[in-house]
C-alpha atoms as a PDB file:
ATOM      1  CA  MET A   1     -68.506  46.882 182.090  1.00  0.00           C
ATOM      2  CA  GLY A   2     -66.870  43.169 182.088  1.00  0.00           C
ATOM      3  CA  PRO A   3     -65.548  41.445 184.757  1.00  0.00           C
ATOM      4  CA  GLU A   4     -61.969  42.984 183.703  1.00  0.00           C
ATOM      5  CA  ALA A   5     -62.727  46.403 183.326  1.00  0.00           C
ATOM      6  CA  LYS A   6     -64.266  45.970 187.034  1.00  0.00           C
ATOM      7  CA  LEU A   7     -60.994  44.851 187.941  1.00  0.00           C
ATOM      8  CA  TYR A   8     -58.738  46.772 186.745  1.00  0.00           C
ATOM      9  CA  LYS A   9     -60.700  49.931 188.437  1.00  0.00           C
ATOM     10  CA  LYS A  10     -60.418  47.766 191.782  1.00  0.00           C
ATOM     11  CA  PHE A  11     -57.272  47.437 191.152  1.00  0.00           C
ATOM     12  CA  LYS A  12     -56.167  50.402 189.988  1.00  0.00           C
ATOM     13  CA  LYS A  13     -58.153  52.296 193.073  1.00  0.00           C
ATOM     14  CA  ALA A  14     -56.176  50.614 195.121  1.00  0.00           C
ATOM     15  CA  THR A  15     -52.596  51.257 193.995  1.00  0.00           C
ATOM     16  CA  PRO A  16     -52.786  55.165 193.966  1.00  0.00           C
ATOM     17  CA  THR A  17     -48.587  55.642 193.755  1.00  0.00           C
ATOM     18  CA  ILE A  18     -48.920  53.718 190.350  1.00  0.00           C
ATOM     19  CA  SER A  19     -49.834  55.911 187.095  1.00  0.00           C
ATOM     20  CA  TRP A  20     -51.737  53.334 184.977  1.00  0.00           C
ATOM     21  CA  ASN A  21     -53.275  54.105 181.668  1.00  0.00           C
ATOM     22  CA  ARG A  22     -56.046  51.576 180.370  1.00  0.00           C
ATOM     23  CA  ILE A  23     -55.018  50.535 176.735  1.00  0.00           C
ATOM     24  CA  GLU A  24     -57.695  49.727 174.869  1.00  0.00           C
ATOM     25  CA  ASN A  25     -56.042  48.505 171.472  1.00  0.00           C
ATOM     26  CA  LEU A  26     -57.092  46.465 167.934  1.00  0.00           C
ATOM     27  CA  ALA A  27     -54.178  47.305 166.016  1.00  0.00           C
ATOM     28  CA  VAL A  28     -51.632  45.274 168.044  1.00  0.00           C
ATOM     29  CA  PRO A  29     -52.913  41.425 169.086  1.00  0.00           C
ATOM     30  CA  GLY A  30     -52.346  40.439 172.194  1.00  0.00           C
ATOM     31  CA  LEU A  31     -51.125  44.166 173.947  1.00  0.00           C
ATOM     32  CA  PRO A  32     -51.964  43.612 177.441  1.00  0.00           C
ATOM     33  CA  ASP A  33     -54.623  45.401 178.931  1.00  0.00           C
ATOM     34  CA  ALA A  34     -52.145  48.266 180.993  1.00  0.00           C
ATOM     35  CA  LEU A  35     -49.220  49.975 180.601  1.00  0.00           C
ATOM     36  CA  ALA A  36     -48.303  51.714 184.225  1.00  0.00           C
ATOM     37  CA  TYR A  37     -45.429  53.381 185.815  1.00  0.00           C
ATOM     38  CA  ASN A  38     -43.820  53.667 189.540  1.00  0.00           C
ATOM     39  CA  LYS A  39     -42.389  55.439 191.530  1.00  0.00           C
ATOM     40  CA  TYR A  40     -38.599  54.044 190.352  1.00  0.00           C
ATOM     41  CA  ASN A  41     -38.976  55.212 187.125  1.00  0.00           C
ATOM     42  CA  THR A  42     -39.866  51.664 186.169  1.00  0.00           C
ATOM     43  CA  PHE A  43     -42.727  50.906 183.097  1.00  0.00           C
ATOM     44  CA  PHE A  44     -44.621  47.575 183.471  1.00  0.00           C
ATOM     45  CA  THR A  45     -47.635  45.911 181.713  1.00  0.00           C
ATOM     46  CA  VAL A  46     -50.245  44.165 183.728  1.00  0.00           C
ATOM     47  CA  GLU A  47     -52.965  42.030 181.726  1.00  0.00           C
ATOM     48  CA  PHE A  48     -56.014  41.379 183.836  1.00  0.00           C
ATOM     49  CA  LYS A  49     -57.880  38.117 183.984  1.00  0.00           C
ATOM     50  CA  VAL A  50     -61.236  36.833 185.648  1.00  0.00           C
ATOM     51  CA  THR A  51     -62.282  33.205 185.711  1.00  0.00           C
ATOM     52  CA  LYS A  52     -64.677  31.383 187.319  1.00  0.00           C
ATOM     53  CA  GLY A  53     -62.286  28.172 187.849  1.00  0.00           C
ATOM     54  CA  ASN A  54     -58.877  27.064 188.185  1.00  0.00           C
ATOM     55  CA  LYS A  55     -57.974  27.389 184.148  1.00  0.00           C
ATOM     56  CA  VAL A  56     -56.767  30.948 182.760  1.00  0.00           C
ATOM     57  CA  ARG A  57     -57.898  31.690 178.941  1.00  0.00           C
ATOM     58  CA  PHE A  58     -55.656  33.524 176.724  1.00  0.00           C
ATOM     59  CA  SER A  59     -54.972  34.204 172.972  1.00  0.00           C
ATOM     60  CA  PRO A  60     -52.624  32.834 171.286  1.00  0.00           C
ATOM     61  CA  HIS A  61     -51.431  36.368 170.790  1.00  0.00           C
ATOM     62  CA  GLN A  62     -51.669  37.222 174.533  1.00  0.00           C
ATOM     63  CA  ILE A  63     -49.215  34.109 175.469  1.00  0.00           C
ATOM     64  CA  GLY A  64     -46.995  35.158 172.275  1.00  0.00           C
ATOM     65  CA  TRP A  65     -46.382  38.504 173.721  1.00  0.00           C
ATOM     66  CA  HIS A  66     -45.906  37.731 177.043  1.00  0.00           C
ATOM     67  CA  MET A  67     -43.177  35.121 175.808  1.00  0.00           C
ATOM     68  CA  ARG A  68     -41.612  37.917 173.675  1.00  0.00           C
ATOM     69  CA  HIS A  69     -41.616  40.219 176.756  1.00  0.00           C
ATOM     70  CA  PRO A  70     -40.866  38.129 179.592  1.00  0.00           C
ATOM     71  CA  TYR A  71     -39.647  41.066 181.966  1.00  0.00           C
ATOM     72  CA  ASN A  72     -42.132  43.717 183.523  1.00  0.00           C
ATOM     73  CA  SER A  73     -44.861  42.108 182.272  1.00  0.00           C
ATOM     74  CA  PHE A  74     -47.535  40.519 184.737  1.00  0.00           C
ATOM     75  CA  ILE A  75     -50.895  38.731 184.657  1.00  0.00           C
ATOM     76  CA  LEU A  76     -53.387  39.564 187.714  1.00  0.00           C
ATOM     77  CA  VAL A  77     -56.165  36.924 187.919  1.00  0.00           C
ATOM     78  CA  GLU A  78     -59.396  37.370 190.284  1.00  0.00           C
ATOM     79  CA  ALA A  79     -60.810  33.930 190.628  1.00  0.00           C
ATOM     80  CA  LEU A  80     -63.997  34.808 191.097  1.00  0.00           C
ATOM     81  CA  GLY A  81     -66.286  33.070 194.131  1.00  0.00           C
ATOM     82  CA  PRO A  82     -63.110  32.910 196.671  1.00  0.00           C
ATOM     83  CA  GLY A  83     -62.241  36.904 195.308  1.00  0.00           C
ATOM     84  CA  THR A  84     -58.589  35.617 195.427  1.00  0.00           C
ATOM     85  CA  MET A  85     -55.805  38.012 193.629  1.00  0.00           C
ATOM     86  CA  LYS A  86     -52.988  35.981 192.115  1.00  0.00           C
ATOM     87  CA  LEU A  87     -49.933  37.732 190.149  1.00  0.00           C
ATOM     88  CA  TYR A  88     -48.097  36.215 187.728  1.00  0.00           C
ATOM     89  CA  GLU A  89     -45.231  36.926 185.846  1.00  0.00           C
ATOM     90  CA  GLY A  90     -45.234  37.012 182.094  1.00  0.00           C
ATOM     91  CA  GLU A  91     -42.397  34.984 181.929  1.00  0.00           C
ATOM     92  CA  VAL A  92     -44.338  32.034 183.199  1.00  0.00           C
ATOM     93  CA  ILE A  93     -47.440  32.580 181.027  1.00  0.00           C
ATOM     94  CA  ARG A  94     -46.759  28.686 179.814  1.00  0.00           C
ATOM     95  CA  GLU A  95     -47.150  27.378 182.979  1.00  0.00           C
ATOM     96  CA  LEU A  96     -49.618  29.214 183.865  1.00  0.00           C
ATOM     97  CA  VAL A  97     -51.904  28.145 180.706  1.00  0.00           C
ATOM     98  CA  ALA A  98     -51.079  24.856 181.869  1.00  0.00           C
ATOM     99  CA  CYS A  99     -51.117  24.434 185.319  1.00  0.00           C
ATOM    100  CA  GLY A 100     -53.957  27.494 185.677  1.00  0.00           C
ATOM    101  CA  LEU A 101     -54.381  28.580 188.906  1.00  0.00           C
ATOM    102  CA  LYS A 102     -52.780  25.917 190.806  1.00  0.00           C
ATOM    103  CA  LEU A 103     -49.152  27.827 189.612  1.00  0.00           C
ATOM    104  CA  GLU A 104     -47.636  29.615 192.935  1.00  0.00           C
ATOM    105  CA  PRO A 105     -48.092  33.261 192.337  1.00  0.00           C
ATOM    106  CA  CYS A 106     -45.731  35.910 192.639  1.00  0.00           C
ATOM    107  CA  SER A 107     -47.690  37.421 194.805  1.00  0.00           C
ATOM    108  CA  LEU A 108     -51.286  36.929 196.314  1.00  0.00           C
ATOM    109  CA  GLY A 109     -54.060  39.370 197.749  1.00  0.00           C
ATOM    110  CA  LEU A 110     -54.682  42.888 196.796  1.00  0.00           C
ATOM    111  CA  GLU A 111     -52.134  44.259 198.906  1.00  0.00           C
ATOM    112  CA  ALA A 112     -49.482  42.065 198.302  1.00  0.00           C
ATOM    113  CA  CYS A 113     -49.779  42.490 194.373  1.00  0.00           C
ATOM    114  CA  GLY A 114     -50.321  46.129 194.603  1.00  0.00           C
ATOM    115  CA  LEU A 115     -47.058  46.042 196.771  1.00  0.00           C
ATOM    116  CA  ARG A 116     -45.109  44.160 194.304  1.00  0.00           C
ATOM    117  CA  LEU A 117     -45.912  46.227 191.519  1.00  0.00           C
ATOM    118  CA  ALA A 118     -45.226  49.310 193.423  1.00  0.00           C
ATOM    119  CA  GLU A 119     -41.960  48.294 194.523  1.00  0.00           C
ATOM    120  CA  LEU A 120     -40.522  47.270 191.245  1.00  0.00           C
ATOM    121  CA  GLY A 121     -37.453  48.755 190.542  1.00  0.00           C
ATOM    122  CA  ALA A 122     -36.568  49.818 193.977  1.00  0.00           C
END
């Protein structure tokens, strides 16, 4: 199991009130890793990324997806080493590519990131 699949499993376990669907898709390049649904009847997507440094790598298709779907799309990044989890809204993907993890996240830490997604639409 790769690092992003491990991150997905860890995050899914930490957010039991969210219904998660892992997307394994070769037909639509750039489609995020998971489609989720919370108790407020809100659907959203999450791209899971793991990085060893400041830079977060995306394919051109992933960048395009978040530019075309800027709302209710998120990027969850875990920095190995410090184990820091940061959540970004899809609409800031260009800034995330340019600035890396120096970009201010919308939520910081496992609990805060989970709460942000669980409360979407409240």
